[in-house]
Amino acid sequence: MKSMTKENCLFNLFRYAICAIVFCIIAVPLYISVMGGFKSVGQLRAFPMALPNPFVTTQYTDMLIGKSGFFWRELGNSLAIGAGTVAVVLCTATLAGFALARIKFRLNAAIYTYFWLGLLFPLAVAILPLYVQLRKFGLLDTHLGVVLPQAAFGLPMMIMLLRGFIKQIPMELEEAATVDGYGRFGFLFRIVLPLSTPILATVSVLTFVSSWNNFFTPLLVFNTQSKFTLPMGVMDFMGEHAADWNLILAFLTLAMIPAIIIYVLCQKYIVSGLTGGAVKG
């Protein structure tokens, strides 16, 4: 009995040590970024890990209420592209996931395998044909030219998540809906979608955060500076202020805040969507 207790203590100690290491890996860069934005260049170079003394707020105020307004412009671009990507992915993945989970047809397994193989196809491999297609359809330097590729490459994973969740809905509910006179779309909109709120929130947050952090696709599509997203704005800003690391860190901190807020607010939906079933009890 004592040996079991000792083993449990060692296991808990090891687990806490791993958690502490992971926490430090995440927290230390975040701390440097946030606190670095409150320092002067001299403070940042001399004492990168120390608290600012004194706190210098001009970096953040210049970003938020400066005359250029580039931060808010790029923030709006990122929000618009993220919202558009989420809308396309939600509509398409919900219909595809529902069809693959609840409708039996000859090519069901083949289509499921096709989407599954999409997880193994990185964007970098398709860069040349993607650029040619976007140019052919006149989508270069447009928001839609970023939204559609992002949605396309995000669909396989989201369809897998929605298919797995919808498949858990009991057949009895579908039979009851049929008895009440609902067709497939009635069953989808009146029963499936309300029960799928957790996984829909999960898909929305994961898609939005992925779009928010995406740098490669906007870099491929946009040529006009006024259409840049925040990741591209960070690159452009670093080029203009290569020596002013306090300004760069302030910009990075502000760019992270919206995605962090959305993730924190929707965290419970993400957990329930990935771990919970469609119907409990």
C-alpha atoms as a PDB file:
ATOM      1  CA  MET A   1       0.000   0.000   0.000  1.00  0.00           C
ATOM      2  CA  LYS A   2       2.855   2.351   0.874  1.00  0.00           C
ATOM      3  CA  SER A   3       4.602   1.541  -2.430  1.00  0.00           C
ATOM      4  CA  MET A   4       1.431   2.425  -4.353  1.00  0.00           C
ATOM      5  CA  THR A   5       1.194   5.734  -2.500  1.00  0.00           C
ATOM      6  CA  LYS A   6       4.846   6.462  -3.244  1.00  0.00           C
ATOM      7  CA  GLU A   7       4.337   5.686  -6.934  1.00  0.00           C
ATOM      8  CA  ASN A   8       1.307   7.985  -7.052  1.00  0.00           C
ATOM      9  CA  CYS A   9       3.291  10.787  -5.433  1.00  0.00           C
ATOM     10  CA  LEU A  10       6.130  10.347  -7.928  1.00  0.00           C
ATOM     11  CA  PHE A  11       3.679  10.305 -10.820  1.00  0.00           C
ATOM     12  CA  ASN A  12       1.944  13.472  -9.567  1.00  0.00           C
ATOM     13  CA  LEU A  13       5.313  15.155  -9.064  1.00  0.00           C
ATOM     14  CA  PHE A  14       6.343  14.255 -12.620  1.00  0.00           C
ATOM     15  CA  ARG A  15       3.016  15.495 -13.982  1.00  0.00           C
ATOM     16  CA  TYR A  16       3.272  18.801 -12.135  1.00  0.00           C
ATOM     17  CA  ALA A  17       6.855  19.236 -13.371  1.00  0.00           C
ATOM     18  CA  ILE A  18       5.765  18.731 -16.977  1.00  0.00           C
ATOM     19  CA  CYS A  19       2.900  21.202 -16.502  1.00  0.00           C
ATOM     20  CA  ALA A  20       5.295  23.745 -14.982  1.00  0.00           C
ATOM     21  CA  ILE A  21       7.706  23.397 -17.913  1.00  0.00           C
ATOM     22  CA  VAL A  22       4.906  23.814 -20.467  1.00  0.00           C
ATOM     23  CA  PHE A  23       3.568  26.805 -18.534  1.00  0.00           C
ATOM     24  CA  CYS A  24       6.982  28.480 -18.583  1.00  0.00           C
ATOM     25  CA  ILE A  25       7.414  27.819 -22.307  1.00  0.00           C
ATOM     26  CA  ILE A  26       4.115  29.597 -22.950  1.00  0.00           C
ATOM     27  CA  ALA A  27       4.197  32.264 -20.239  1.00  0.00           C
ATOM     28  CA  VAL A  28       7.757  33.559 -20.556  1.00  0.00           C
ATOM     29  CA  PRO A  29       7.498  34.757 -24.202  1.00  0.00           C
ATOM     30  CA  LEU A  30       4.059  36.205 -23.432  1.00  0.00           C
ATOM     31  CA  TYR A  31       5.459  38.044 -20.405  1.00  0.00           C
ATOM     32  CA  ILE A  32       8.380  39.428 -22.442  1.00  0.00           C
ATOM     33  CA  SER A  33       6.016  40.602 -25.166  1.00  0.00           C
ATOM     34  CA  VAL A  34       3.537  42.338 -22.845  1.00  0.00           C
ATOM     35  CA  MET A  35       6.097  43.896 -20.497  1.00  0.00           C
ATOM     36  CA  GLY A  36       8.458  44.763 -23.362  1.00  0.00           C
ATOM     37  CA  GLY A  37       5.765  46.990 -24.808  1.00  0.00           C
ATOM     38  CA  PHE A  38       5.877  49.081 -21.625  1.00  0.00           C
ATOM     39  CA  LYS A  39       9.651  49.631 -21.729  1.00  0.00           C
ATOM     40  CA  SER A  40      11.923  52.002 -23.504  1.00  0.00           C
ATOM     41  CA  VAL A  41      14.466  50.586 -25.926  1.00  0.00           C
ATOM     42  CA  GLY A  42      17.218  51.045 -23.345  1.00  0.00           C
ATOM     43  CA  GLN A  43      15.289  49.216 -20.631  1.00  0.00           C
ATOM     44  CA  LEU A  44      14.439  46.357 -22.978  1.00  0.00           C
ATOM     45  CA  ARG A  45      18.054  45.834 -24.002  1.00  0.00           C
ATOM     46  CA  ALA A  46      19.494  46.154 -20.487  1.00  0.00           C
ATOM     47  CA  PHE A  47      16.815  44.301 -18.487  1.00  0.00           C
ATOM     48  CA  PRO A  48      14.651  42.179 -20.827  1.00  0.00           C
ATOM     49  CA  MET A  49      13.129  40.067 -18.012  1.00  0.00           C
ATOM     50  CA  ALA A  50      12.653  42.805 -15.387  1.00  0.00           C
ATOM     51  CA  LEU A  51       9.472  44.757 -14.823  1.00  0.00           C
ATOM     52  CA  PRO A  52       9.364  48.153 -16.540  1.00  0.00           C
ATOM     53  CA  ASN A  53      10.727  50.959 -14.372  1.00  0.00           C
ATOM     54  CA  PRO A  54       9.071  53.284 -15.103  1.00  0.00           C
ATOM     55  CA  PHE A  55       6.166  52.017 -17.196  1.00  0.00           C
ATOM     56  CA  VAL A  56       6.137  53.662 -20.626  1.00  0.00           C
ATOM     57  CA  THR A  57       2.664  53.610 -22.202  1.00  0.00           C
ATOM     58  CA  THR A  58       3.357  55.644 -25.319  1.00  0.00           C
ATOM     59  CA  GLN A  59       3.952  52.528 -27.443  1.00  0.00           C
ATOM     60  CA  TYR A  60       0.442  51.206 -26.788  1.00  0.00           C
ATOM     61  CA  THR A  61      -1.269  54.588 -27.023  1.00  0.00           C
ATOM     62  CA  ASP A  62       0.443  55.323 -30.322  1.00  0.00           C
ATOM     63  CA  MET A  63      -0.895  52.055 -31.710  1.00  0.00           C
ATOM     64  CA  LEU A  64      -4.441  52.612 -30.471  1.00  0.00           C
ATOM     65  CA  ILE A  65      -4.963  56.344 -30.968  1.00  0.00           C
ATOM     66  CA  GLY A  66      -2.116  57.235 -33.306  1.00  0.00           C
ATOM     67  CA  LYS A  67      -2.748  59.253 -36.427  1.00  0.00           C
ATOM     68  CA  SER A  68      -1.958  56.470 -38.884  1.00  0.00           C
ATOM     69  CA  GLY A  69      -4.724  54.102 -37.752  1.00  0.00           C
ATOM     70  CA  PHE A  70      -2.971  51.163 -39.388  1.00  0.00           C
ATOM     71  CA  PHE A  71      -3.565  48.879 -36.390  1.00  0.00           C
ATOM     72  CA  TRP A  72      -7.347  49.314 -36.502  1.00  0.00           C
ATOM     73  CA  ARG A  73      -7.365  48.932 -40.279  1.00  0.00           C
ATOM     74  CA  GLU A  74      -5.466  45.658 -40.127  1.00  0.00           C
ATOM     75  CA  LEU A  75      -7.575  44.533 -37.188  1.00  0.00           C
ATOM     76  CA  GLY A  76     -10.716  45.119 -39.259  1.00  0.00           C
ATOM     77  CA  ASN A  77      -9.249  43.202 -42.191  1.00  0.00           C
ATOM     78  CA  SER A  78      -8.375  40.234 -39.955  1.00  0.00           C
ATOM     79  CA  LEU A  79     -11.843  40.253 -38.364  1.00  0.00           C
ATOM     80  CA  ALA A  80     -13.596  40.414 -41.751  1.00  0.00           C
ATOM     81  CA  ILE A  81     -11.517  37.594 -43.217  1.00  0.00           C
ATOM     82  CA  GLY A  82     -11.880  35.484 -40.067  1.00  0.00           C
ATOM     83  CA  ALA A  83     -15.657  35.945 -39.974  1.00  0.00           C
ATOM     84  CA  GLY A  84     -15.960  35.121 -43.673  1.00  0.00           C
ATOM     85  CA  THR A  85     -13.854  31.978 -43.282  1.00  0.00           C
ATOM     86  CA  VAL A  86     -15.927  30.837 -40.299  1.00  0.00           C
ATOM     87  CA  ALA A  87     -19.186  31.382 -42.233  1.00  0.00           C
ATOM     88  CA  VAL A  88     -17.996  29.361 -45.241  1.00  0.00           C
ATOM     89  CA  VAL A  89     -16.587  26.543 -43.107  1.00  0.00           C
ATOM     90  CA  LEU A  90     -19.658  26.309 -40.857  1.00  0.00           C
ATOM     91  CA  CYS A  91     -22.147  26.141 -43.726  1.00  0.00           C
ATOM     92  CA  THR A  92     -20.139  23.709 -45.828  1.00  0.00           C
ATOM     93  CA  ALA A  93     -18.787  21.472 -43.058  1.00  0.00           C
ATOM     94  CA  THR A  94     -22.186  21.177 -41.357  1.00  0.00           C
ATOM     95  CA  LEU A  95     -23.914  19.977 -44.518  1.00  0.00           C
ATOM     96  CA  ALA A  96     -21.047  17.646 -45.452  1.00  0.00           C
ATOM     97  CA  GLY A  97     -20.698  16.264 -41.924  1.00  0.00           C
ATOM     98  CA  PHE A  98     -24.454  15.673 -41.698  1.00  0.00           C
ATOM     99  CA  ALA A  99     -24.549  13.880 -45.051  1.00  0.00           C
ATOM    100  CA  LEU A 100     -21.578  11.658 -44.219  1.00  0.00           C
ATOM    101  CA  ALA A 101     -22.928  10.848 -40.738  1.00  0.00           C
ATOM    102  CA  ARG A 102     -26.651  10.298 -41.395  1.00  0.00           C
ATOM    103  CA  ILE A 103     -27.181   9.549 -45.086  1.00  0.00           C
ATOM    104  CA  LYS A 104     -26.265   6.163 -46.537  1.00  0.00           C
ATOM    105  CA  PHE A 105     -25.190   6.236 -50.179  1.00  0.00           C
ATOM    106  CA  ARG A 106     -22.735   4.326 -52.340  1.00  0.00           C
ATOM    107  CA  LEU A 107     -19.876   6.843 -52.315  1.00  0.00           C
ATOM    108  CA  ASN A 108     -20.124   7.706 -48.628  1.00  0.00           C
ATOM    109  CA  ALA A 109     -16.918   5.880 -47.647  1.00  0.00           C
ATOM    110  CA  ALA A 110     -15.043   7.148 -50.703  1.00  0.00           C
ATOM    111  CA  ILE A 111     -15.954  10.776 -50.023  1.00  0.00           C
ATOM    112  CA  TYR A 112     -15.051  10.393 -46.350  1.00  0.00           C
ATOM    113  CA  THR A 113     -11.650   9.005 -47.365  1.00  0.00           C
ATOM    114  CA  TYR A 114     -11.220  11.906 -49.794  1.00  0.00           C
ATOM    115  CA  PHE A 115     -11.750  14.443 -47.016  1.00  0.00           C
ATOM    116  CA  TRP A 116      -9.514  12.425 -44.693  1.00  0.00           C
ATOM    117  CA  LEU A 117      -6.702  12.548 -47.265  1.00  0.00           C
ATOM    118  CA  GLY A 118      -7.152  16.314 -47.347  1.00  0.00           C
ATOM    119  CA  LEU A 119      -5.576  16.422 -43.890  1.00  0.00           C
ATOM    120  CA  LEU A 120      -2.322  15.213 -45.455  1.00  0.00           C
ATOM    121  CA  PHE A 121      -2.235  17.914 -48.155  1.00  0.00           C
ATOM    122  CA  PRO A 122      -0.372  21.045 -46.948  1.00  0.00           C
ATOM    123  CA  LEU A 123      -0.989  24.471 -48.406  1.00  0.00           C
ATOM    124  CA  ALA A 124       2.660  24.905 -49.424  1.00  0.00           C
ATOM    125  CA  VAL A 125       2.346  22.048 -51.933  1.00  0.00           C
ATOM    126  CA  ALA A 126      -0.525  23.793 -53.718  1.00  0.00           C
ATOM    127  CA  ILE A 127       0.959  27.268 -53.756  1.00  0.00           C
ATOM    128  CA  LEU A 128       1.578  27.491 -57.523  1.00  0.00           C
ATOM    129  CA  PRO A 129      -1.748  26.057 -58.793  1.00  0.00           C
ATOM    130  CA  LEU A 130      -3.575  28.055 -56.098  1.00  0.00           C
ATOM    131  CA  TYR A 131      -1.984  31.297 -57.285  1.00  0.00           C
ATOM    132  CA  VAL A 132      -2.826  30.489 -60.917  1.00  0.00           C
ATOM    133  CA  GLN A 133      -6.466  29.780 -60.042  1.00  0.00           C
ATOM    134  CA  LEU A 134      -6.827  32.938 -57.964  1.00  0.00           C
ATOM    135  CA  ARG A 135      -5.395  35.017 -60.802  1.00  0.00           C
ATOM    136  CA  LYS A 136      -7.654  33.313 -63.356  1.00  0.00           C
ATOM    137  CA  PHE A 137     -10.804  34.079 -61.352  1.00  0.00           C
ATOM    138  CA  GLY A 138      -9.720  37.626 -60.485  1.00  0.00           C
ATOM    139  CA  LEU A 139      -9.448  36.939 -56.750  1.00  0.00           C
ATOM    140  CA  LEU A 140      -5.950  38.289 -56.189  1.00  0.00           C
ATOM    141  CA  ASP A 141      -5.787  41.255 -53.810  1.00  0.00           C
ATOM    142  CA  THR A 142      -9.330  40.557 -52.549  1.00  0.00           C
ATOM    143  CA  HIS A 143     -10.614  39.318 -49.205  1.00  0.00           C
ATOM    144  CA  LEU A 144     -12.492  36.509 -50.931  1.00  0.00           C
ATOM    145  CA  GLY A 145      -9.195  35.299 -52.372  1.00  0.00           C
ATOM    146  CA  VAL A 146      -8.017  34.645 -48.812  1.00  0.00           C
ATOM    147  CA  VAL A 147     -11.307  33.376 -47.380  1.00  0.00           C
ATOM    148  CA  LEU A 148     -11.897  30.606 -49.933  1.00  0.00           C
ATOM    149  CA  PRO A 149      -8.429  28.939 -49.717  1.00  0.00           C
ATOM    150  CA  GLN A 150      -8.445  29.158 -45.939  1.00  0.00           C
ATOM    151  CA  ALA A 151     -11.869  27.549 -45.811  1.00  0.00           C
ATOM    152  CA  ALA A 152     -10.903  24.870 -48.325  1.00  0.00           C
ATOM    153  CA  PHE A 153      -7.803  23.778 -46.420  1.00  0.00           C
ATOM    154  CA  GLY A 154      -9.621  23.920 -43.085  1.00  0.00           C
ATOM    155  CA  LEU A 155     -12.654  21.910 -44.196  1.00  0.00           C
ATOM    156  CA  PRO A 156     -11.245  18.354 -43.877  1.00  0.00           C
ATOM    157  CA  MET A 157     -10.563  18.624 -40.149  1.00  0.00           C
ATOM    158  CA  MET A 158     -13.845  20.413 -39.411  1.00  0.00           C
ATOM    159  CA  ILE A 159     -15.854  17.880 -41.407  1.00  0.00           C
ATOM    160  CA  MET A 160     -14.226  15.078 -39.409  1.00  0.00           C
ATOM    161  CA  LEU A 161     -15.180  16.788 -36.137  1.00  0.00           C
ATOM    162  CA  LEU A 162     -18.781  17.458 -37.167  1.00  0.00           C
ATOM    163  CA  ARG A 163     -19.278  14.005 -38.675  1.00  0.00           C
ATOM    164  CA  GLY A 164     -18.079  12.322 -35.489  1.00  0.00           C
ATOM    165  CA  PHE A 165     -20.316  14.478 -33.309  1.00  0.00           C
ATOM    166  CA  ILE A 166     -23.464  14.188 -35.436  1.00  0.00           C
ATOM    167  CA  LYS A 167     -22.996  10.428 -35.745  1.00  0.00           C
ATOM    168  CA  GLN A 168     -23.525  10.132 -31.975  1.00  0.00           C
ATOM    169  CA  ILE A 169     -27.056  11.558 -32.133  1.00  0.00           C
ATOM    170  CA  PRO A 170     -29.415   8.617 -31.403  1.00  0.00           C
ATOM    171  CA  MET A 171     -31.376   7.195 -34.315  1.00  0.00           C
ATOM    172  CA  GLU A 172     -34.498   7.364 -32.129  1.00  0.00           C
ATOM    173  CA  LEU A 173     -34.490  11.152 -32.462  1.00  0.00           C
ATOM    174  CA  GLU A 174     -34.384  10.917 -36.237  1.00  0.00           C
ATOM    175  CA  GLU A 175     -37.188   8.352 -36.232  1.00  0.00           C
ATOM    176  CA  ALA A 176     -39.270  10.589 -33.966  1.00  0.00           C
ATOM    177  CA  ALA A 177     -38.644  13.537 -36.280  1.00  0.00           C
ATOM    178  CA  THR A 178     -39.772  11.454 -39.253  1.00  0.00           C
ATOM    179  CA  VAL A 179     -42.961  10.483 -37.418  1.00  0.00           C
ATOM    180  CA  ASP A 180     -43.619  14.190 -36.732  1.00  0.00           C
ATOM    181  CA  GLY A 181     -43.377  14.888 -40.442  1.00  0.00           C
ATOM    182  CA  TYR A 182     -39.885  16.385 -40.655  1.00  0.00           C
ATOM    183  CA  GLY A 183     -37.713  15.584 -43.618  1.00  0.00           C
ATOM    184  CA  ARG A 184     -33.917  15.489 -43.569  1.00  0.00           C
ATOM    185  CA  PHE A 185     -33.560  19.257 -43.561  1.00  0.00           C
ATOM    186  CA  GLY A 186     -36.183  19.585 -40.842  1.00  0.00           C
ATOM    187  CA  PHE A 187     -34.275  17.058 -38.753  1.00  0.00           C
ATOM    188  CA  LEU A 188     -31.043  18.951 -39.445  1.00  0.00           C
ATOM    189  CA  PHE A 189     -32.281  22.422 -38.547  1.00  0.00           C
ATOM    190  CA  ARG A 190     -34.673  21.563 -35.715  1.00  0.00           C
ATOM    191  CA  ILE A 191     -32.766  18.820 -33.901  1.00  0.00           C
ATOM    192  CA  VAL A 192     -29.208  18.341 -35.117  1.00  0.00           C
ATOM    193  CA  LEU A 193     -28.081  21.971 -35.087  1.00  0.00           C
ATOM    194  CA  PRO A 194     -29.411  22.781 -31.579  1.00  0.00           C
ATOM    195  CA  LEU A 195     -27.758  19.635 -30.207  1.00  0.00           C
ATOM    196  CA  SER A 196     -24.524  20.437 -32.050  1.00  0.00           C
ATOM    197  CA  THR A 197     -23.983  23.856 -30.459  1.00  0.00           C
ATOM    198  CA  PRO A 198     -20.776  22.765 -28.630  1.00  0.00           C
ATOM    199  CA  ILE A 199     -19.087  21.321 -31.717  1.00  0.00           C
ATOM    200  CA  LEU A 200     -20.237  24.254 -33.875  1.00  0.00           C
ATOM    201  CA  ALA A 201     -18.644  26.628 -31.353  1.00  0.00           C
ATOM    202  CA  THR A 202     -15.498  24.499 -31.407  1.00  0.00           C
ATOM    203  CA  VAL A 203     -15.316  24.595 -35.201  1.00  0.00           C
ATOM    204  CA  SER A 204     -15.944  28.351 -35.218  1.00  0.00           C
ATOM    205  CA  VAL A 205     -13.210  29.139 -32.691  1.00  0.00           C
ATOM    206  CA  LEU A 206     -10.612  26.821 -34.231  1.00  0.00           C
ATOM    207  CA  THR A 207     -11.337  28.186 -37.716  1.00  0.00           C
ATOM    208  CA  PHE A 208     -11.220  31.802 -36.564  1.00  0.00           C
ATOM    209  CA  VAL A 209      -7.969  31.399 -34.646  1.00  0.00           C
ATOM    210  CA  SER A 210      -6.400  29.575 -37.599  1.00  0.00           C
ATOM    211  CA  SER A 211      -7.471  32.397 -39.924  1.00  0.00           C
ATOM    212  CA  TRP A 212      -6.284  35.016 -37.447  1.00  0.00           C
ATOM    213  CA  ASN A 213      -2.795  33.499 -37.286  1.00  0.00           C
ATOM    214  CA  ASN A 214      -2.517  32.718 -41.003  1.00  0.00           C
ATOM    215  CA  PHE A 215       0.304  34.586 -42.683  1.00  0.00           C
ATOM    216  CA  PHE A 216       1.052  32.586 -45.811  1.00  0.00           C
ATOM    217  CA  THR A 217      -2.256  32.935 -47.679  1.00  0.00           C
ATOM    218  CA  PRO A 218      -2.635  36.730 -47.220  1.00  0.00           C
ATOM    219  CA  LEU A 219       1.010  37.112 -48.244  1.00  0.00           C
ATOM    220  CA  LEU A 220       0.234  35.227 -51.455  1.00  0.00           C
ATOM    221  CA  VAL A 221      -2.957  37.150 -52.248  1.00  0.00           C
ATOM    222  CA  PHE A 222      -2.530  40.751 -51.101  1.00  0.00           C
ATOM    223  CA  ASN A 223      -0.466  43.427 -52.796  1.00  0.00           C
ATOM    224  CA  THR A 224      -2.192  46.526 -51.411  1.00  0.00           C
ATOM    225  CA  GLN A 225      -1.032  47.610 -47.954  1.00  0.00           C
ATOM    226  CA  SER A 226      -4.496  48.812 -46.945  1.00  0.00           C
ATOM    227  CA  LYS A 227      -5.746  45.215 -47.206  1.00  0.00           C
ATOM    228  CA  PHE A 228      -3.056  43.651 -45.001  1.00  0.00           C
ATOM    229  CA  THR A 229      -4.078  41.479 -42.061  1.00  0.00           C
ATOM    230  CA  LEU A 230      -2.443  41.731 -38.630  1.00  0.00           C
ATOM    231  CA  PRO A 231       0.221  39.039 -39.260  1.00  0.00           C
ATOM    232  CA  MET A 232       1.246  40.864 -42.446  1.00  0.00           C
ATOM    233  CA  GLY A 233       1.085  44.141 -40.563  1.00  0.00           C
ATOM    234  CA  VAL A 234       3.536  42.746 -38.006  1.00  0.00           C
ATOM    235  CA  MET A 235       5.964  41.882 -40.803  1.00  0.00           C
ATOM    236  CA  ASP A 236       5.576  45.300 -42.393  1.00  0.00           C
ATOM    237  CA  PHE A 237       5.879  47.050 -39.036  1.00  0.00           C
ATOM    238  CA  MET A 238       9.047  45.127 -38.155  1.00  0.00           C
ATOM    239  CA  GLY A 239      10.550  46.239 -41.440  1.00  0.00           C
ATOM    240  CA  GLU A 240       9.849  49.890 -40.668  1.00  0.00           C
ATOM    241  CA  HIS A 241      10.891  49.785 -36.987  1.00  0.00           C
ATOM    242  CA  ALA A 242      13.652  47.164 -36.953  1.00  0.00           C
ATOM    243  CA  ALA A 243      15.486  48.856 -34.055  1.00  0.00           C
ATOM    244  CA  ASP A 244      12.390  49.695 -31.964  1.00  0.00           C
ATOM    245  CA  TRP A 245      11.686  46.339 -30.363  1.00  0.00           C
ATOM    246  CA  ASN A 246       9.471  47.904 -27.721  1.00  0.00           C
ATOM    247  CA  LEU A 247       7.110  49.126 -30.464  1.00  0.00           C
ATOM    248  CA  ILE A 248       7.211  45.728 -32.160  1.00  0.00           C
ATOM    249  CA  LEU A 249       6.373  43.913 -28.903  1.00  0.00           C
ATOM    250  CA  ALA A 250       3.517  46.322 -28.216  1.00  0.00           C
ATOM    251  CA  PHE A 251       2.122  45.639 -31.696  1.00  0.00           C
ATOM    252  CA  LEU A 252       2.442  41.868 -31.180  1.00  0.00           C
ATOM    253  CA  THR A 253       0.661  42.062 -27.819  1.00  0.00           C
ATOM    254  CA  LEU A 254      -2.260  44.026 -29.234  1.00  0.00           C
ATOM    255  CA  ALA A 255      -2.491  41.621 -32.178  1.00  0.00           C
ATOM    256  CA  MET A 256      -2.824  38.645 -29.827  1.00  0.00           C
ATOM    257  CA  ILE A 257      -5.572  40.078 -27.610  1.00  0.00           C
ATOM    258  CA  PRO A 258      -8.695  39.505 -29.795  1.00  0.00           C
ATOM    259  CA  ALA A 259      -7.880  35.845 -30.480  1.00  0.00           C
ATOM    260  CA  ILE A 260      -7.116  35.226 -26.786  1.00  0.00           C
ATOM    261  CA  ILE A 261     -10.402  36.844 -25.732  1.00  0.00           C
ATOM    262  CA  ILE A 262     -12.417  34.739 -28.175  1.00  0.00           C
ATOM    263  CA  TYR A 263     -10.625  31.566 -27.109  1.00  0.00           C
ATOM    264  CA  VAL A 264     -11.142  32.253 -23.378  1.00  0.00           C
ATOM    265  CA  LEU A 265     -14.831  33.085 -23.800  1.00  0.00           C
ATOM    266  CA  CYS A 266     -15.481  29.936 -25.861  1.00  0.00           C
ATOM    267  CA  GLN A 267     -13.168  27.579 -23.966  1.00  0.00           C
ATOM    268  CA  LYS A 268     -15.975  25.600 -22.344  1.00  0.00           C
ATOM    269  CA  TYR A 269     -17.608  25.021 -25.736  1.00  0.00           C
ATOM    270  CA  ILE A 270     -14.322  23.824 -27.202  1.00  0.00           C
ATOM    271  CA  VAL A 271     -13.807  21.309 -24.389  1.00  0.00           C
ATOM    272  CA  SER A 272     -17.401  20.029 -24.498  1.00  0.00           C
ATOM    273  CA  GLY A 273     -17.341  19.880 -28.297  1.00  0.00           C
ATOM    274  CA  LEU A 274     -14.160  17.796 -28.423  1.00  0.00           C
ATOM    275  CA  THR A 275     -14.897  15.523 -25.451  1.00  0.00           C
ATOM    276  CA  GLY A 276     -18.664  15.408 -25.022  1.00  0.00           C
ATOM    277  CA  GLY A 277     -21.347  13.497 -26.862  1.00  0.00           C
ATOM    278  CA  ALA A 278     -24.314  14.878 -28.705  1.00  0.00           C
ATOM    279  CA  VAL A 279     -26.823  13.738 -26.109  1.00  0.00           C
ATOM    280  CA  LYS A 280     -26.064  13.048 -22.462  1.00  0.00           C
ATOM    281  CA  GLY A 281     -28.099  11.139 -20.007  1.00  0.00           C
END
